[in-house]
């Protein structure tokens, strides 16, 4: 008798759960897609944020058009030029720290390229790899540390020896 009642109660609970789960409308979360990527070169680190927008690109809160010297700006624009006009549907904000001017430039272009690959897929990845592998792949080369006795000389320089 006790088993019969518990079975009936369990059956009723299961039916109510089914009814409740059927009644719930499925809510689609329409969240604007924001993508974060990073790029590195030597000691420079660039963090890029892509969000849907009008195609504004800012590096450390400075518009891309105002970056000087021109060679630096053109180098940063390489992944954008290779991507065509597709990237203009996104606002891109890049923060760069560390390193020197060239290191920061290369870190920025790597962050931009990685973000574009994440958005547009493998076709873009093939394009970037054909153009320049460093757009997507980290470069592990570093300067060799100087050796202790004469650290101001450099990493491998030794005292010049005379033959006579």
C-alpha atoms as a PDB file:
ATOM      1  CA  UNK A   1       0.000   0.000   0.000  1.00  0.00           C
ATOM      2  CA  UNK A   2       2.811   2.398   0.890  1.00  0.00           C
ATOM      3  CA  UNK A   3       4.682   1.499  -2.282  1.00  0.00           C
ATOM      4  CA  UNK A   4       1.599   2.146  -4.404  1.00  0.00           C
ATOM      5  CA  UNK A   5       1.064   5.614  -2.924  1.00  0.00           C
ATOM      6  CA  UNK A   6       4.710   6.587  -3.390  1.00  0.00           C
ATOM      7  CA  UNK A   7       4.620   5.404  -7.007  1.00  0.00           C
ATOM      8  CA  UNK A   8       1.482   7.467  -7.649  1.00  0.00           C
ATOM      9  CA  UNK A   9       3.051  10.529  -6.031  1.00  0.00           C
ATOM     10  CA  UNK A  10       6.290  10.125  -8.018  1.00  0.00           C
ATOM     11  CA  UNK A  11       4.286   9.695 -11.223  1.00  0.00           C
ATOM     12  CA  UNK A  12       2.303  12.861 -10.495  1.00  0.00           C
ATOM     13  CA  UNK A  13       5.487  14.831  -9.750  1.00  0.00           C
ATOM     14  CA  UNK A  14       7.080  13.692 -13.034  1.00  0.00           C
ATOM     15  CA  UNK A  15       3.970  14.716 -14.999  1.00  0.00           C
ATOM     16  CA  UNK A  16       3.948  18.154 -13.370  1.00  0.00           C
ATOM     17  CA  UNK A  17       7.626  18.628 -14.158  1.00  0.00           C
ATOM     18  CA  UNK A  18       6.994  17.781 -17.805  1.00  0.00           C
ATOM     19  CA  UNK A  19       4.123  20.288 -17.955  1.00  0.00           C
ATOM     20  CA  UNK A  20       6.245  22.999 -16.341  1.00  0.00           C
ATOM     21  CA  UNK A  21       9.206  22.345 -18.643  1.00  0.00           C
ATOM     22  CA  UNK A  22       6.919  22.413 -21.692  1.00  0.00           C
ATOM     23  CA  UNK A  23       5.388  25.729 -20.628  1.00  0.00           C
ATOM     24  CA  UNK A  24       8.706  27.539 -20.354  1.00  0.00           C
ATOM     25  CA  UNK A  25       9.397  29.443 -23.560  1.00  0.00           C
ATOM     26  CA  UNK A  26      12.975  29.196 -24.720  1.00  0.00           C
ATOM     27  CA  UNK A  27      14.605  32.561 -24.337  1.00  0.00           C
ATOM     28  CA  UNK A  28      17.292  33.375 -26.833  1.00  0.00           C
ATOM     29  CA  UNK A  29      19.950  35.564 -25.365  1.00  0.00           C
ATOM     30  CA  UNK A  30      20.771  38.144 -27.976  1.00  0.00           C
ATOM     31  CA  UNK A  31      24.079  39.221 -26.594  1.00  0.00           C
ATOM     32  CA  UNK A  32      26.379  41.373 -28.652  1.00  0.00           C
ATOM     33  CA  UNK A  33      29.428  39.320 -29.447  1.00  0.00           C
ATOM     34  CA  UNK A  34      32.600  40.786 -27.985  1.00  0.00           C
ATOM     35  CA  UNK A  35      35.882  39.062 -28.794  1.00  0.00           C
ATOM     36  CA  UNK A  36      39.148  39.512 -26.908  1.00  0.00           C
ATOM     37  CA  UNK A  37      42.526  38.567 -28.379  1.00  0.00           C
ATOM     38  CA  UNK A  38      46.166  39.100 -27.466  1.00  0.00           C
ATOM     39  CA  UNK A  39      49.354  39.543 -29.426  1.00  0.00           C
ATOM     40  CA  UNK A  40      52.944  39.475 -28.192  1.00  0.00           C
ATOM     41  CA  UNK A  41      56.321  40.507 -29.524  1.00  0.00           C
ATOM     42  CA  UNK A  42      59.446  40.532 -27.351  1.00  0.00           C
ATOM     43  CA  UNK A  43      58.228  42.252 -24.156  1.00  0.00           C
ATOM     44  CA  UNK A  44      55.283  44.091 -25.740  1.00  0.00           C
ATOM     45  CA  UNK A  45      51.768  42.791 -25.098  1.00  0.00           C
ATOM     46  CA  UNK A  46      48.703  43.971 -27.018  1.00  0.00           C
ATOM     47  CA  UNK A  47      45.127  43.206 -25.957  1.00  0.00           C
ATOM     48  CA  UNK A  48      42.442  43.790 -28.590  1.00  0.00           C
ATOM     49  CA  UNK A  49      38.670  43.989 -28.125  1.00  0.00           C
ATOM     50  CA  UNK A  50      36.363  43.507 -31.112  1.00  0.00           C
ATOM     51  CA  UNK A  51      32.714  44.473 -30.787  1.00  0.00           C
ATOM     52  CA  UNK A  52      30.030  45.160 -33.399  1.00  0.00           C
ATOM     53  CA  UNK A  53      30.172  48.768 -34.548  1.00  0.00           C
ATOM     54  CA  UNK A  54      31.116  51.174 -37.322  1.00  0.00           C
ATOM     55  CA  UNK A  55      34.742  50.239 -38.029  1.00  0.00           C
ATOM     56  CA  UNK A  56      36.546  52.508 -35.557  1.00  0.00           C
ATOM     57  CA  UNK A  57      40.081  51.361 -34.689  1.00  0.00           C
ATOM     58  CA  UNK A  58      41.839  52.862 -31.660  1.00  0.00           C
ATOM     59  CA  UNK A  59      45.221  51.956 -30.265  1.00  0.00           C
ATOM     60  CA  UNK A  60      45.740  53.156 -26.682  1.00  0.00           C
ATOM     61  CA  UNK A  61      42.721  55.462 -27.216  1.00  0.00           C
ATOM     62  CA  UNK A  62      44.326  57.079 -30.298  1.00  0.00           C
ATOM     63  CA  UNK A  63      42.574  56.639 -33.670  1.00  0.00           C
ATOM     64  CA  UNK A  64      44.568  54.552 -36.134  1.00  0.00           C
ATOM     65  CA  UNK A  65      44.673  57.422 -38.652  1.00  0.00           C
ATOM     66  CA  UNK A  66      46.651  59.605 -36.209  1.00  0.00           C
ATOM     67  CA  UNK A  67      49.425  57.116 -35.437  1.00  0.00           C
ATOM     68  CA  UNK A  68      52.885  58.311 -36.417  1.00  0.00           C
ATOM     69  CA  UNK A  69      55.297  57.407 -38.027  1.00  0.00           C
ATOM     70  CA  UNK A  70      53.530  56.286 -41.192  1.00  0.00           C
ATOM     71  CA  UNK A  71      55.482  53.026 -41.469  1.00  0.00           C
ATOM     72  CA  UNK A  72      54.183  52.021 -38.041  1.00  0.00           C
ATOM     73  CA  UNK A  73      50.581  52.802 -39.022  1.00  0.00           C
ATOM     74  CA  UNK A  74      50.891  50.891 -42.310  1.00  0.00           C
ATOM     75  CA  UNK A  75      52.345  47.889 -40.513  1.00  0.00           C
ATOM     76  CA  UNK A  76      49.400  47.866 -38.083  1.00  0.00           C
ATOM     77  CA  UNK A  77      46.966  48.161 -41.015  1.00  0.00           C
ATOM     78  CA  UNK A  78      48.334  45.073 -42.832  1.00  0.00           C
ATOM     79  CA  UNK A  79      45.855  42.574 -41.332  1.00  0.00           C
ATOM     80  CA  UNK A  80      42.990  45.014 -41.924  1.00  0.00           C
ATOM     81  CA  UNK A  81      43.978  45.500 -45.572  1.00  0.00           C
ATOM     82  CA  UNK A  82      44.265  41.734 -46.104  1.00  0.00           C
ATOM     83  CA  UNK A  83      40.803  41.230 -44.558  1.00  0.00           C
ATOM     84  CA  UNK A  84      39.161  43.614 -47.037  1.00  0.00           C
ATOM     85  CA  UNK A  85      36.090  45.565 -45.904  1.00  0.00           C
ATOM     86  CA  UNK A  86      34.699  42.817 -43.657  1.00  0.00           C
ATOM     87  CA  UNK A  87      36.354  44.217 -40.518  1.00  0.00           C
ATOM     88  CA  UNK A  88      34.460  47.512 -40.838  1.00  0.00           C
ATOM     89  CA  UNK A  89      31.473  45.936 -39.086  1.00  0.00           C
ATOM     90  CA  UNK A  90      33.464  45.967 -35.829  1.00  0.00           C
ATOM     91  CA  UNK A  91      34.915  48.581 -33.506  1.00  0.00           C
ATOM     92  CA  UNK A  92      38.401  47.602 -32.414  1.00  0.00           C
ATOM     93  CA  UNK A  93      40.050  48.842 -29.227  1.00  0.00           C
ATOM     94  CA  UNK A  94      43.695  47.849 -28.615  1.00  0.00           C
ATOM     95  CA  UNK A  95      45.737  48.425 -25.456  1.00  0.00           C
ATOM     96  CA  UNK A  96      49.501  47.941 -25.770  1.00  0.00           C
ATOM     97  CA  UNK A  97      52.097  47.892 -22.996  1.00  0.00           C
ATOM     98  CA  UNK A  98      55.796  47.173 -22.727  1.00  0.00           C
ATOM     99  CA  UNK A  99      58.581  46.936 -25.258  1.00  0.00           C
ATOM    100  CA  UNK A 100      59.556  49.515 -27.838  1.00  0.00           C
ATOM    101  CA  UNK A 101      57.817  51.034 -30.835  1.00  0.00           C
ATOM    102  CA  UNK A 102      58.422  48.135 -33.224  1.00  0.00           C
ATOM    103  CA  UNK A 103      57.579  45.491 -30.633  1.00  0.00           C
ATOM    104  CA  UNK A 104      54.312  47.248 -29.846  1.00  0.00           C
ATOM    105  CA  UNK A 105      53.510  47.549 -33.545  1.00  0.00           C
ATOM    106  CA  UNK A 106      54.049  43.835 -34.159  1.00  0.00           C
ATOM    107  CA  UNK A 107      52.106  42.872 -31.031  1.00  0.00           C
ATOM    108  CA  UNK A 108      49.188  45.045 -32.191  1.00  0.00           C
ATOM    109  CA  UNK A 109      49.085  43.569 -35.683  1.00  0.00           C
ATOM    110  CA  UNK A 110      49.196  40.056 -34.225  1.00  0.00           C
ATOM    111  CA  UNK A 111      46.269  40.823 -31.887  1.00  0.00           C
ATOM    112  CA  UNK A 112      44.275  42.284 -34.814  1.00  0.00           C
ATOM    113  CA  UNK A 113      45.005  39.292 -37.059  1.00  0.00           C
ATOM    114  CA  UNK A 114      44.052  36.770 -34.379  1.00  0.00           C
ATOM    115  CA  UNK A 115      40.778  38.564 -33.754  1.00  0.00           C
ATOM    116  CA  UNK A 116      39.918  38.649 -37.444  1.00  0.00           C
ATOM    117  CA  UNK A 117      40.663  34.918 -37.742  1.00  0.00           C
ATOM    118  CA  UNK A 118      38.412  34.227 -34.751  1.00  0.00           C
ATOM    119  CA  UNK A 119      35.595  36.200 -36.365  1.00  0.00           C
ATOM    120  CA  UNK A 120      35.921  35.172 -40.020  1.00  0.00           C
ATOM    121  CA  UNK A 121      37.394  31.656 -39.785  1.00  0.00           C
ATOM    122  CA  UNK A 122      39.947  29.501 -41.587  1.00  0.00           C
ATOM    123  CA  UNK A 123      39.864  31.308 -44.943  1.00  0.00           C
ATOM    124  CA  UNK A 124      41.266  34.393 -43.235  1.00  0.00           C
ATOM    125  CA  UNK A 125      43.820  32.254 -41.399  1.00  0.00           C
ATOM    126  CA  UNK A 126      45.189  30.862 -44.673  1.00  0.00           C
ATOM    127  CA  UNK A 127      45.449  34.373 -46.117  1.00  0.00           C
ATOM    128  CA  UNK A 128      47.415  35.615 -43.114  1.00  0.00           C
ATOM    129  CA  UNK A 129      49.742  32.608 -43.024  1.00  0.00           C
ATOM    130  CA  UNK A 130      50.560  33.024 -46.715  1.00  0.00           C
ATOM    131  CA  UNK A 131      51.323  36.723 -46.217  1.00  0.00           C
ATOM    132  CA  UNK A 132      53.303  36.600 -42.958  1.00  0.00           C
ATOM    133  CA  UNK A 133      53.387  33.783 -40.427  1.00  0.00           C
ATOM    134  CA  UNK A 134      54.130  36.207 -37.568  1.00  0.00           C
ATOM    135  CA  UNK A 135      50.647  37.664 -37.936  1.00  0.00           C
ATOM    136  CA  UNK A 136      49.309  34.612 -36.101  1.00  0.00           C
ATOM    137  CA  UNK A 137      52.260  32.765 -34.562  1.00  0.00           C
ATOM    138  CA  UNK A 138      54.251  33.954 -31.548  1.00  0.00           C
ATOM    139  CA  UNK A 139      57.945  34.688 -32.197  1.00  0.00           C
ATOM    140  CA  UNK A 140      60.040  33.147 -29.390  1.00  0.00           C
ATOM    141  CA  UNK A 141      63.323  34.941 -30.177  1.00  0.00           C
ATOM    142  CA  UNK A 142      64.792  37.041 -27.356  1.00  0.00           C
ATOM    143  CA  UNK A 143      67.971  38.999 -26.803  1.00  0.00           C
ATOM    144  CA  UNK A 144      70.689  36.955 -25.155  1.00  0.00           C
ATOM    145  CA  UNK A 145      71.524  38.149 -21.652  1.00  0.00           C
ATOM    146  CA  UNK A 146      74.980  39.646 -21.142  1.00  0.00           C
ATOM    147  CA  UNK A 147      77.521  37.543 -19.234  1.00  0.00           C
ATOM    148  CA  UNK A 148      78.680  38.676 -15.772  1.00  0.00           C
ATOM    149  CA  UNK A 149      82.361  39.687 -15.997  1.00  0.00           C
ATOM    150  CA  UNK A 150      81.840  42.415 -18.597  1.00  0.00           C
ATOM    151  CA  UNK A 151      78.090  42.830 -18.838  1.00  0.00           C
ATOM    152  CA  UNK A 152      78.357  46.209 -20.542  1.00  0.00           C
ATOM    153  CA  UNK A 153      80.235  44.609 -23.448  1.00  0.00           C
ATOM    154  CA  UNK A 154      77.364  42.404 -24.554  1.00  0.00           C
ATOM    155  CA  UNK A 155      76.485  38.733 -24.579  1.00  0.00           C
ATOM    156  CA  UNK A 156      79.394  37.159 -26.489  1.00  0.00           C
ATOM    157  CA  UNK A 157      82.158  39.747 -26.773  1.00  0.00           C
ATOM    158  CA  UNK A 158      85.491  38.901 -25.215  1.00  0.00           C
ATOM    159  CA  UNK A 159      88.681  40.904 -24.852  1.00  0.00           C
ATOM    160  CA  UNK A 160      90.617  41.165 -28.087  1.00  0.00           C
ATOM    161  CA  UNK A 161      93.831  39.160 -28.112  1.00  0.00           C
ATOM    162  CA  UNK A 162      97.024  40.210 -29.789  1.00  0.00           C
ATOM    163  CA  UNK A 163      98.987  37.667 -31.817  1.00  0.00           C
ATOM    164  CA  UNK A 164     102.372  39.143 -30.871  1.00  0.00           C
END
